């Protein structure tokens, strides 16, 4: 257990460093305020004589205290750790690279680079039930006191941060910040769910047995069968339900199309599954 805990915190530390790299080398030089506490810190650094790392630390600590008082200990030790570590990482970069300049020389490209790099770090955190703090804490507060869905709360707070760039920057920067916030959410969804996305395929076919045998012996996958009563035809059929990955899905659909073109097939996206794997023989 100790080894697992140490390994997890090493991965979380690496993930937070990746987020810090995205903020310092892409977000700070571009002056974009893409939905995050660091983005808000970039805006505020134009109004108060403090560096981005200092402002990020102040806001993260303040939010942790407020969350502890009003919400409780829901955020956990991982979020406390990452909330404190991130501004420290940014602060180290500020000392080591005092003349930090844009890596691409283009504001839009910096925004794209930030979205791609930060999504790698955040996906590593989220898959280990951690976060970088900041807006996640604000979203929890909005969820509790405004009864707002967490996803909507995250989106709203992110857009509010992006729009805050209007206080100090031109219209182009504001527009890029808003688009960057939206694009960042899409990219993050891809990193978190893209590699694990599966399909649930529900099949009603006259060639029921052939399709079932294909699933079991060719795809080496499992299936669940139900008795389905068709109210229009007033006939009882068997419905096959199976969950397959992208490769298996294409093989299955091709087989169904070839074996029974008249089969009734419905397809659903599956983002996550909880199950006990079969013991290996």
C-alpha atoms as a PDB file:
ATOM      1  CA  UNK A   1       0.000   0.000   0.000  1.00  0.00           C
ATOM      2  CA  UNK A   2       2.854   2.386   0.819  1.00  0.00           C
ATOM      3  CA  UNK A   3       4.460   1.735  -2.562  1.00  0.00           C
ATOM      4  CA  UNK A   4       1.156   2.406  -4.329  1.00  0.00           C
ATOM      5  CA  UNK A   5       0.672   5.656  -2.398  1.00  0.00           C
ATOM      6  CA  UNK A   6       4.211   6.832  -3.187  1.00  0.00           C
ATOM      7  CA  UNK A   7       3.788   5.928  -6.856  1.00  0.00           C
ATOM      8  CA  UNK A   8       0.482   7.806  -7.010  1.00  0.00           C
ATOM      9  CA  UNK A   9       1.938  10.968  -5.476  1.00  0.00           C
ATOM     10  CA  UNK A  10       4.921  10.809  -7.848  1.00  0.00           C
ATOM     11  CA  UNK A  11       2.502  10.667 -10.797  1.00  0.00           C
ATOM     12  CA  UNK A  12       0.405  13.501  -9.337  1.00  0.00           C
ATOM     13  CA  UNK A  13       3.573  15.573  -8.867  1.00  0.00           C
ATOM     14  CA  UNK A  14       4.627  14.968 -12.487  1.00  0.00           C
ATOM     15  CA  UNK A  15       1.114  15.880 -13.640  1.00  0.00           C
ATOM     16  CA  UNK A  16       1.182  19.138 -11.660  1.00  0.00           C
ATOM     17  CA  UNK A  17       4.598  19.983 -13.151  1.00  0.00           C
ATOM     18  CA  UNK A  18       3.134  19.430 -16.649  1.00  0.00           C
ATOM     19  CA  UNK A  19       0.284  21.821 -15.781  1.00  0.00           C
ATOM     20  CA  UNK A  20       2.886  24.322 -14.535  1.00  0.00           C
ATOM     21  CA  UNK A  21       4.838  24.000 -17.806  1.00  0.00           C
ATOM     22  CA  UNK A  22       1.648  24.686 -19.776  1.00  0.00           C
ATOM     23  CA  UNK A  23       0.870  27.775 -17.693  1.00  0.00           C
ATOM     24  CA  UNK A  24       4.366  29.268 -17.648  1.00  0.00           C
ATOM     25  CA  UNK A  25       5.581  28.554 -21.184  1.00  0.00           C
ATOM     26  CA  UNK A  26       2.306  28.976 -23.084  1.00  0.00           C
ATOM     27  CA  UNK A  27      -0.310  30.846 -21.052  1.00  0.00           C
ATOM     28  CA  UNK A  28       1.852  33.531 -19.436  1.00  0.00           C
ATOM     29  CA  UNK A  29       3.652  34.709 -22.637  1.00  0.00           C
ATOM     30  CA  UNK A  30       0.390  34.740 -24.635  1.00  0.00           C
ATOM     31  CA  UNK A  31      -1.380  36.851 -21.963  1.00  0.00           C
ATOM     32  CA  UNK A  32      -4.445  34.658 -22.523  1.00  0.00           C
ATOM     33  CA  UNK A  33      -6.833  34.076 -19.638  1.00  0.00           C
ATOM     34  CA  UNK A  34      -8.007  30.565 -20.493  1.00  0.00           C
ATOM     35  CA  UNK A  35     -10.405  29.378 -17.786  1.00  0.00           C
ATOM     36  CA  UNK A  36      -8.261  28.610 -14.754  1.00  0.00           C
ATOM     37  CA  UNK A  37      -7.049  30.278 -11.576  1.00  0.00           C
ATOM     38  CA  UNK A  38      -3.670  30.746 -13.264  1.00  0.00           C
ATOM     39  CA  UNK A  39      -5.458  32.540 -16.112  1.00  0.00           C
ATOM     40  CA  UNK A  40      -7.112  34.872 -13.619  1.00  0.00           C
ATOM     41  CA  UNK A  41      -3.720  35.412 -11.953  1.00  0.00           C
ATOM     42  CA  UNK A  42      -2.294  36.532 -15.313  1.00  0.00           C
ATOM     43  CA  UNK A  43      -5.025  39.181 -15.569  1.00  0.00           C
ATOM     44  CA  UNK A  44      -4.585  40.339 -11.963  1.00  0.00           C
ATOM     45  CA  UNK A  45      -0.797  40.551 -12.364  1.00  0.00           C
ATOM     46  CA  UNK A  46      -1.473  43.598 -14.566  1.00  0.00           C
ATOM     47  CA  UNK A  47      -3.404  45.288 -11.759  1.00  0.00           C
ATOM     48  CA  UNK A  48      -1.362  44.431  -8.646  1.00  0.00           C
ATOM     49  CA  UNK A  49       2.440  44.267  -8.156  1.00  0.00           C
ATOM     50  CA  UNK A  50       2.613  40.499  -7.696  1.00  0.00           C
ATOM     51  CA  UNK A  51       3.830  37.682  -9.912  1.00  0.00           C
ATOM     52  CA  UNK A  52       1.560  35.005 -11.391  1.00  0.00           C
ATOM     53  CA  UNK A  53       2.885  32.336  -9.006  1.00  0.00           C
ATOM     54  CA  UNK A  54       2.247  34.529  -5.954  1.00  0.00           C
ATOM     55  CA  UNK A  55      -1.299  35.384  -7.033  1.00  0.00           C
ATOM     56  CA  UNK A  56      -2.046  31.740  -7.836  1.00  0.00           C
ATOM     57  CA  UNK A  57      -0.808  30.679  -4.404  1.00  0.00           C
ATOM     58  CA  UNK A  58      -2.862  33.370  -2.619  1.00  0.00           C
ATOM     59  CA  UNK A  59      -6.064  32.493  -4.479  1.00  0.00           C
ATOM     60  CA  UNK A  60      -5.613  28.728  -4.143  1.00  0.00           C
ATOM     61  CA  UNK A  61      -4.940  28.932  -0.399  1.00  0.00           C
ATOM     62  CA  UNK A  62      -7.885  31.313   0.088  1.00  0.00           C
ATOM     63  CA  UNK A  63     -10.189  28.987  -1.852  1.00  0.00           C
ATOM     64  CA  UNK A  64      -8.990  25.963   0.131  1.00  0.00           C
ATOM     65  CA  UNK A  65      -9.752  27.763   3.414  1.00  0.00           C
ATOM     66  CA  UNK A  66     -13.192  28.893   2.207  1.00  0.00           C
ATOM     67  CA  UNK A  67     -13.973  25.415   0.906  1.00  0.00           C
ATOM     68  CA  UNK A  68     -12.851  23.828   4.179  1.00  0.00           C
ATOM     69  CA  UNK A  69     -15.118  26.162   6.165  1.00  0.00           C
ATOM     70  CA  UNK A  70     -18.179  26.002   3.908  1.00  0.00           C
ATOM     71  CA  UNK A  71     -18.025  22.658   2.119  1.00  0.00           C
ATOM     72  CA  UNK A  72     -15.964  20.432   4.386  1.00  0.00           C
ATOM     73  CA  UNK A  73     -13.056  18.138   3.574  1.00  0.00           C
ATOM     74  CA  UNK A  74     -14.489  16.901   0.241  1.00  0.00           C
ATOM     75  CA  UNK A  75     -11.554  18.207  -1.785  1.00  0.00           C
ATOM     76  CA  UNK A  76      -9.147  15.794  -0.066  1.00  0.00           C
ATOM     77  CA  UNK A  77      -5.431  15.852   0.585  1.00  0.00           C
ATOM     78  CA  UNK A  78      -4.556  15.415  -3.114  1.00  0.00           C
ATOM     79  CA  UNK A  79      -6.229  18.700  -4.077  1.00  0.00           C
ATOM     80  CA  UNK A  80      -4.559  20.483  -1.160  1.00  0.00           C
ATOM     81  CA  UNK A  81      -1.197  19.123  -2.317  1.00  0.00           C
ATOM     82  CA  UNK A  82      -1.658  20.063  -5.987  1.00  0.00           C
ATOM     83  CA  UNK A  83      -3.100  23.493  -5.128  1.00  0.00           C
ATOM     84  CA  UNK A  84       0.034  24.348  -3.169  1.00  0.00           C
ATOM     85  CA  UNK A  85       2.492  22.628  -5.515  1.00  0.00           C
ATOM     86  CA  UNK A  86       1.335  24.313  -8.747  1.00  0.00           C
ATOM     87  CA  UNK A  87       2.235  27.909  -7.771  1.00  0.00           C
ATOM     88  CA  UNK A  88       5.550  26.636  -6.357  1.00  0.00           C
ATOM     89  CA  UNK A  89       6.334  25.017  -9.737  1.00  0.00           C
ATOM     90  CA  UNK A  90       5.421  28.246 -11.556  1.00  0.00           C
ATOM     91  CA  UNK A  91       7.524  30.233  -9.054  1.00  0.00           C
ATOM     92  CA  UNK A  92      10.566  28.034  -9.734  1.00  0.00           C
ATOM     93  CA  UNK A  93      10.145  28.601 -13.478  1.00  0.00           C
ATOM     94  CA  UNK A  94       9.919  32.366 -12.870  1.00  0.00           C
ATOM     95  CA  UNK A  95      13.305  32.278 -11.122  1.00  0.00           C
ATOM     96  CA  UNK A  96      15.004  29.920 -13.598  1.00  0.00           C
ATOM     97  CA  UNK A  97      13.573  31.621 -16.714  1.00  0.00           C
ATOM     98  CA  UNK A  98      13.237  35.309 -15.776  1.00  0.00           C
ATOM     99  CA  UNK A  99      13.017  36.425 -19.436  1.00  0.00           C
ATOM    100  CA  UNK A 100      10.328  33.967 -20.485  1.00  0.00           C
ATOM    101  CA  UNK A 101       9.216  34.567 -24.078  1.00  0.00           C
ATOM    102  CA  UNK A 102       6.626  32.972 -26.351  1.00  0.00           C
ATOM    103  CA  UNK A 103       7.794  29.634 -27.756  1.00  0.00           C
ATOM    104  CA  UNK A 104       5.791  30.075 -30.959  1.00  0.00           C
ATOM    105  CA  UNK A 105       5.756  33.840 -31.427  1.00  0.00           C
ATOM    106  CA  UNK A 106       1.997  33.665 -32.027  1.00  0.00           C
ATOM    107  CA  UNK A 107      -0.743  34.234 -29.449  1.00  0.00           C
ATOM    108  CA  UNK A 108      -3.191  31.760 -31.002  1.00  0.00           C
ATOM    109  CA  UNK A 109      -0.555  29.011 -31.284  1.00  0.00           C
ATOM    110  CA  UNK A 110       0.426  29.574 -27.655  1.00  0.00           C
ATOM    111  CA  UNK A 111      -3.230  29.088 -26.708  1.00  0.00           C
ATOM    112  CA  UNK A 112      -3.433  25.817 -28.652  1.00  0.00           C
ATOM    113  CA  UNK A 113      -0.159  24.632 -27.115  1.00  0.00           C
ATOM    114  CA  UNK A 114      -1.490  25.413 -23.643  1.00  0.00           C
ATOM    115  CA  UNK A 115      -4.731  23.497 -24.230  1.00  0.00           C
ATOM    116  CA  UNK A 116      -2.884  20.410 -25.463  1.00  0.00           C
ATOM    117  CA  UNK A 117      -0.186  20.338 -22.773  1.00  0.00           C
ATOM    118  CA  UNK A 118      -2.436  21.244 -19.825  1.00  0.00           C
ATOM    119  CA  UNK A 119      -4.943  18.562 -20.850  1.00  0.00           C
ATOM    120  CA  UNK A 120      -2.240  15.902 -20.494  1.00  0.00           C
ATOM    121  CA  UNK A 121      -1.496  17.019 -16.936  1.00  0.00           C
ATOM    122  CA  UNK A 122      -5.131  17.486 -15.920  1.00  0.00           C
ATOM    123  CA  UNK A 123      -6.186  14.119 -17.328  1.00  0.00           C
ATOM    124  CA  UNK A 124      -3.427  12.461 -15.277  1.00  0.00           C
ATOM    125  CA  UNK A 125      -4.799  14.231 -12.181  1.00  0.00           C
ATOM    126  CA  UNK A 126      -8.471  13.526 -12.843  1.00  0.00           C
ATOM    127  CA  UNK A 127      -7.912   9.824 -13.510  1.00  0.00           C
ATOM    128  CA  UNK A 128      -6.347   9.622 -10.036  1.00  0.00           C
ATOM    129  CA  UNK A 129      -9.208  11.481  -8.392  1.00  0.00           C
ATOM    130  CA  UNK A 130      -7.167  14.656  -7.953  1.00  0.00           C
ATOM    131  CA  UNK A 131      -7.312  18.135  -9.441  1.00  0.00           C
ATOM    132  CA  UNK A 132      -5.245  21.286  -9.656  1.00  0.00           C
ATOM    133  CA  UNK A 133      -7.599  23.111  -7.272  1.00  0.00           C
ATOM    134  CA  UNK A 134      -8.749  26.600  -8.175  1.00  0.00           C
ATOM    135  CA  UNK A 135     -11.867  26.463 -10.333  1.00  0.00           C
ATOM    136  CA  UNK A 136     -12.716  22.966  -9.094  1.00  0.00           C
ATOM    137  CA  UNK A 137     -13.163  24.404  -5.606  1.00  0.00           C
ATOM    138  CA  UNK A 138     -15.258  27.302  -6.953  1.00  0.00           C
ATOM    139  CA  UNK A 139     -17.422  24.793  -8.827  1.00  0.00           C
ATOM    140  CA  UNK A 140     -18.003  22.834  -5.606  1.00  0.00           C
ATOM    141  CA  UNK A 141     -19.056  26.010  -3.805  1.00  0.00           C
ATOM    142  CA  UNK A 142     -21.469  26.919  -6.635  1.00  0.00           C
ATOM    143  CA  UNK A 143     -22.807  23.364  -6.608  1.00  0.00           C
ATOM    144  CA  UNK A 144     -23.585  23.520  -2.888  1.00  0.00           C
ATOM    145  CA  UNK A 145     -24.969  27.031  -2.559  1.00  0.00           C
ATOM    146  CA  UNK A 146     -26.475  27.644  -6.005  1.00  0.00           C
ATOM    147  CA  UNK A 147     -27.586  24.036  -6.625  1.00  0.00           C
ATOM    148  CA  UNK A 148     -25.754  24.144  -9.943  1.00  0.00           C
ATOM    149  CA  UNK A 149     -24.521  21.048 -11.772  1.00  0.00           C
ATOM    150  CA  UNK A 150     -20.739  20.661 -11.349  1.00  0.00           C
ATOM    151  CA  UNK A 151     -20.111  20.575 -15.099  1.00  0.00           C
ATOM    152  CA  UNK A 152     -22.089  23.768 -15.670  1.00  0.00           C
ATOM    153  CA  UNK A 153     -20.415  25.409 -12.677  1.00  0.00           C
ATOM    154  CA  UNK A 154     -16.974  24.597 -14.101  1.00  0.00           C
ATOM    155  CA  UNK A 155     -17.949  25.937 -17.523  1.00  0.00           C
ATOM    156  CA  UNK A 156     -19.475  29.120 -16.121  1.00  0.00           C
ATOM    157  CA  UNK A 157     -16.542  29.907 -13.823  1.00  0.00           C
ATOM    158  CA  UNK A 158     -14.096  29.155 -16.654  1.00  0.00           C
ATOM    159  CA  UNK A 159     -15.875  31.534 -19.021  1.00  0.00           C
ATOM    160  CA  UNK A 160     -16.010  34.209 -16.302  1.00  0.00           C
ATOM    161  CA  UNK A 161     -12.225  33.975 -15.953  1.00  0.00           C
ATOM    162  CA  UNK A 162     -11.796  34.155 -19.734  1.00  0.00           C
ATOM    163  CA  UNK A 163     -14.008  37.255 -19.937  1.00  0.00           C
ATOM    164  CA  UNK A 164     -12.038  38.901 -17.118  1.00  0.00           C
ATOM    165  CA  UNK A 165      -9.241  39.482 -19.647  1.00  0.00           C
ATOM    166  CA  UNK A 166     -11.400  42.317 -20.997  1.00  0.00           C
ATOM    167  CA  UNK A 167     -10.300  44.329 -17.952  1.00  0.00           C
ATOM    168  CA  UNK A 168      -6.734  44.696 -19.199  1.00  0.00           C
ATOM    169  CA  UNK A 169      -6.397  43.271 -22.736  1.00  0.00           C
ATOM    170  CA  UNK A 170      -7.691  43.942 -26.234  1.00  0.00           C
ATOM    171  CA  UNK A 171     -10.660  42.301 -27.980  1.00  0.00           C
ATOM    172  CA  UNK A 172      -8.498  39.706 -29.758  1.00  0.00           C
ATOM    173  CA  UNK A 173      -7.109  38.448 -26.466  1.00  0.00           C
ATOM    174  CA  UNK A 174     -10.589  38.223 -24.941  1.00  0.00           C
ATOM    175  CA  UNK A 175     -11.949  36.268 -27.929  1.00  0.00           C
ATOM    176  CA  UNK A 176      -8.954  33.903 -27.924  1.00  0.00           C
ATOM    177  CA  UNK A 177      -9.370  33.370 -24.170  1.00  0.00           C
ATOM    178  CA  UNK A 178     -13.033  32.429 -24.594  1.00  0.00           C
ATOM    179  CA  UNK A 179     -12.335  30.098 -27.526  1.00  0.00           C
ATOM    180  CA  UNK A 180      -9.354  28.642 -25.670  1.00  0.00           C
ATOM    181  CA  UNK A 181     -11.507  27.864 -22.628  1.00  0.00           C
ATOM    182  CA  UNK A 182     -14.062  26.048 -24.798  1.00  0.00           C
ATOM    183  CA  UNK A 183     -11.388  24.208 -26.812  1.00  0.00           C
ATOM    184  CA  UNK A 184      -9.553  23.205 -23.637  1.00  0.00           C
ATOM    185  CA  UNK A 185     -12.685  21.457 -22.352  1.00  0.00           C
ATOM    186  CA  UNK A 186     -13.057  19.496 -25.594  1.00  0.00           C
ATOM    187  CA  UNK A 187      -9.405  18.426 -25.622  1.00  0.00           C
ATOM    188  CA  UNK A 188      -9.558  17.412 -21.953  1.00  0.00           C
ATOM    189  CA  UNK A 189     -12.642  15.268 -22.608  1.00  0.00           C
ATOM    190  CA  UNK A 190     -10.731  13.545 -25.409  1.00  0.00           C
ATOM    191  CA  UNK A 191      -7.733  12.796 -23.193  1.00  0.00           C
ATOM    192  CA  UNK A 192      -9.905  11.471 -20.343  1.00  0.00           C
ATOM    193  CA  UNK A 193     -12.548   9.568 -22.251  1.00  0.00           C
ATOM    194  CA  UNK A 194     -11.136   9.049 -25.738  1.00  0.00           C
ATOM    195  CA  UNK A 195      -8.868   6.132 -24.917  1.00  0.00           C
ATOM    196  CA  UNK A 196     -11.503   4.317 -22.821  1.00  0.00           C
ATOM    197  CA  UNK A 197     -14.597   5.024 -24.905  1.00  0.00           C
ATOM    198  CA  UNK A 198     -16.541   1.879 -25.755  1.00  0.00           C
ATOM    199  CA  UNK A 199     -19.797   1.101 -27.539  1.00  0.00           C
ATOM    200  CA  UNK A 200     -22.841  -0.676 -26.219  1.00  0.00           C
ATOM    201  CA  UNK A 201     -24.486  -2.483 -29.138  1.00  0.00           C
ATOM    202  CA  UNK A 202     -28.041  -3.800 -28.838  1.00  0.00           C
ATOM    203  CA  UNK A 203     -29.079  -6.226 -31.588  1.00  0.00           C
ATOM    204  CA  UNK A 204     -32.401  -7.814 -32.542  1.00  0.00           C
ATOM    205  CA  UNK A 205     -31.928 -10.188 -35.468  1.00  0.00           C
ATOM    206  CA  UNK A 206     -33.342 -13.348 -37.066  1.00  0.00           C
ATOM    207  CA  UNK A 207     -29.707 -14.527 -37.178  1.00  0.00           C
ATOM    208  CA  UNK A 208     -29.473 -14.214 -33.423  1.00  0.00           C
ATOM    209  CA  UNK A 209     -27.431 -17.389 -32.861  1.00  0.00           C
ATOM    210  CA  UNK A 210     -24.862 -16.613 -35.578  1.00  0.00           C
ATOM    211  CA  UNK A 211     -24.263 -13.103 -34.248  1.00  0.00           C
ATOM    212  CA  UNK A 212     -23.957 -14.379 -30.677  1.00  0.00           C
ATOM    213  CA  UNK A 213     -21.421 -17.009 -31.708  1.00  0.00           C
ATOM    214  CA  UNK A 214     -19.407 -14.344 -33.549  1.00  0.00           C
ATOM    215  CA  UNK A 215     -19.302 -12.173 -30.408  1.00  0.00           C
ATOM    216  CA  UNK A 216     -18.261 -15.082 -28.194  1.00  0.00           C
ATOM    217  CA  UNK A 217     -15.753 -16.880 -30.415  1.00  0.00           C
ATOM    218  CA  UNK A 218     -14.455 -14.259 -32.871  1.00  0.00           C
ATOM    219  CA  UNK A 219     -14.436 -11.141 -30.702  1.00  0.00           C
ATOM    220  CA  UNK A 220     -13.870 -13.164 -27.519  1.00  0.00           C
ATOM    221  CA  UNK A 221     -16.280 -10.831 -25.773  1.00  0.00           C
ATOM    222  CA  UNK A 222     -19.322 -11.358 -23.571  1.00  0.00           C
ATOM    223  CA  UNK A 223     -22.975 -10.563 -24.111  1.00  0.00           C
ATOM    224  CA  UNK A 224     -26.275 -10.350 -22.270  1.00  0.00           C
ATOM    225  CA  UNK A 225     -29.552 -11.612 -23.739  1.00  0.00           C
ATOM    226  CA  UNK A 226     -33.076 -10.372 -23.074  1.00  0.00           C
ATOM    227  CA  UNK A 227     -36.527 -11.428 -24.199  1.00  0.00           C
ATOM    228  CA  UNK A 228     -37.891  -8.479 -26.202  1.00  0.00           C
ATOM    229  CA  UNK A 229     -41.544  -8.269 -27.218  1.00  0.00           C
ATOM    230  CA  UNK A 230     -42.251  -6.260 -30.377  1.00  0.00           C
ATOM    231  CA  UNK A 231     -45.592  -4.503 -29.904  1.00  0.00           C
ATOM    232  CA  UNK A 232     -45.917  -3.653 -33.607  1.00  0.00           C
ATOM    233  CA  UNK A 233     -45.230  -7.160 -34.916  1.00  0.00           C
ATOM    234  CA  UNK A 234     -46.537  -8.845 -31.755  1.00  0.00           C
ATOM    235  CA  UNK A 235     -43.621 -11.281 -31.767  1.00  0.00           C
ATOM    236  CA  UNK A 236     -41.110 -12.308 -29.122  1.00  0.00           C
ATOM    237  CA  UNK A 237     -37.432 -11.980 -30.053  1.00  0.00           C
ATOM    238  CA  UNK A 238     -34.101 -12.242 -28.261  1.00  0.00           C
ATOM    239  CA  UNK A 239     -32.097  -9.033 -27.905  1.00  0.00           C
ATOM    240  CA  UNK A 240     -28.302  -9.241 -27.634  1.00  0.00           C
ATOM    241  CA  UNK A 241     -26.453  -6.579 -25.619  1.00  0.00           C
ATOM    242  CA  UNK A 242     -22.674  -6.390 -25.813  1.00  0.00           C
ATOM    243  CA  UNK A 243     -19.993  -3.798 -25.042  1.00  0.00           C
ATOM    244  CA  UNK A 244     -17.062  -3.573 -27.449  1.00  0.00           C
ATOM    245  CA  UNK A 245     -14.075  -1.318 -28.112  1.00  0.00           C
ATOM    246  CA  UNK A 246     -13.522   0.614 -31.344  1.00  0.00           C
ATOM    247  CA  UNK A 247     -11.841  -2.235 -33.232  1.00  0.00           C
ATOM    248  CA  UNK A 248     -14.356  -4.846 -32.106  1.00  0.00           C
ATOM    249  CA  UNK A 249     -17.199  -2.467 -32.932  1.00  0.00           C
ATOM    250  CA  UNK A 250     -16.214  -2.192 -36.589  1.00  0.00           C
ATOM    251  CA  UNK A 251     -15.807  -5.971 -36.891  1.00  0.00           C
ATOM    252  CA  UNK A 252     -19.197  -6.544 -35.275  1.00  0.00           C
ATOM    253  CA  UNK A 253     -21.048  -4.002 -37.421  1.00  0.00           C
ATOM    254  CA  UNK A 254     -19.494  -5.420 -40.602  1.00  0.00           C
ATOM    255  CA  UNK A 255     -20.516  -8.936 -39.587  1.00  0.00           C
ATOM    256  CA  UNK A 256     -24.096  -7.883 -38.769  1.00  0.00           C
ATOM    257  CA  UNK A 257     -24.432  -5.991 -42.067  1.00  0.00           C
ATOM    258  CA  UNK A 258     -23.220  -9.038 -43.982  1.00  0.00           C
ATOM    259  CA  UNK A 259     -25.147 -11.666 -42.003  1.00  0.00           C
ATOM    260  CA  UNK A 260     -28.481  -9.886 -41.518  1.00  0.00           C
ATOM    261  CA  UNK A 261     -28.972  -6.526 -43.292  1.00  0.00           C
ATOM    262  CA  UNK A 262     -32.459  -6.319 -41.747  1.00  0.00           C
ATOM    263  CA  UNK A 263     -31.192  -6.520 -38.148  1.00  0.00           C
ATOM    264  CA  UNK A 264     -32.384  -3.807 -35.760  1.00  0.00           C
ATOM    265  CA  UNK A 265     -29.298  -2.314 -34.083  1.00  0.00           C
ATOM    266  CA  UNK A 266     -28.994   0.523 -31.562  1.00  0.00           C
ATOM    267  CA  UNK A 267     -25.620   1.895 -30.452  1.00  0.00           C
ATOM    268  CA  UNK A 268     -24.685   3.883 -27.343  1.00  0.00           C
ATOM    269  CA  UNK A 269     -21.437   5.474 -26.187  1.00  0.00           C
ATOM    270  CA  UNK A 270     -20.030   4.074 -22.917  1.00  0.00           C
ATOM    271  CA  UNK A 271     -17.552   6.308 -21.078  1.00  0.00           C
ATOM    272  CA  UNK A 272     -16.935   4.143 -18.042  1.00  0.00           C
ATOM    273  CA  UNK A 273     -17.594   0.625 -16.767  1.00  0.00           C
ATOM    274  CA  UNK A 274     -17.423  -0.937 -13.308  1.00  0.00           C
ATOM    275  CA  UNK A 275     -17.154  -4.713 -13.276  1.00  0.00           C
ATOM    276  CA  UNK A 276     -15.194  -7.629 -11.891  1.00  0.00           C
ATOM    277  CA  UNK A 277     -13.010  -9.187 -14.620  1.00  0.00           C
ATOM    278  CA  UNK A 278     -13.325 -12.902 -15.259  1.00  0.00           C
ATOM    279  CA  UNK A 279     -10.552 -14.978 -13.670  1.00  0.00           C
ATOM    280  CA  UNK A 280      -7.921 -16.115 -16.151  1.00  0.00           C
ATOM    281  CA  UNK A 281      -7.760 -19.840 -16.874  1.00  0.00           C
END
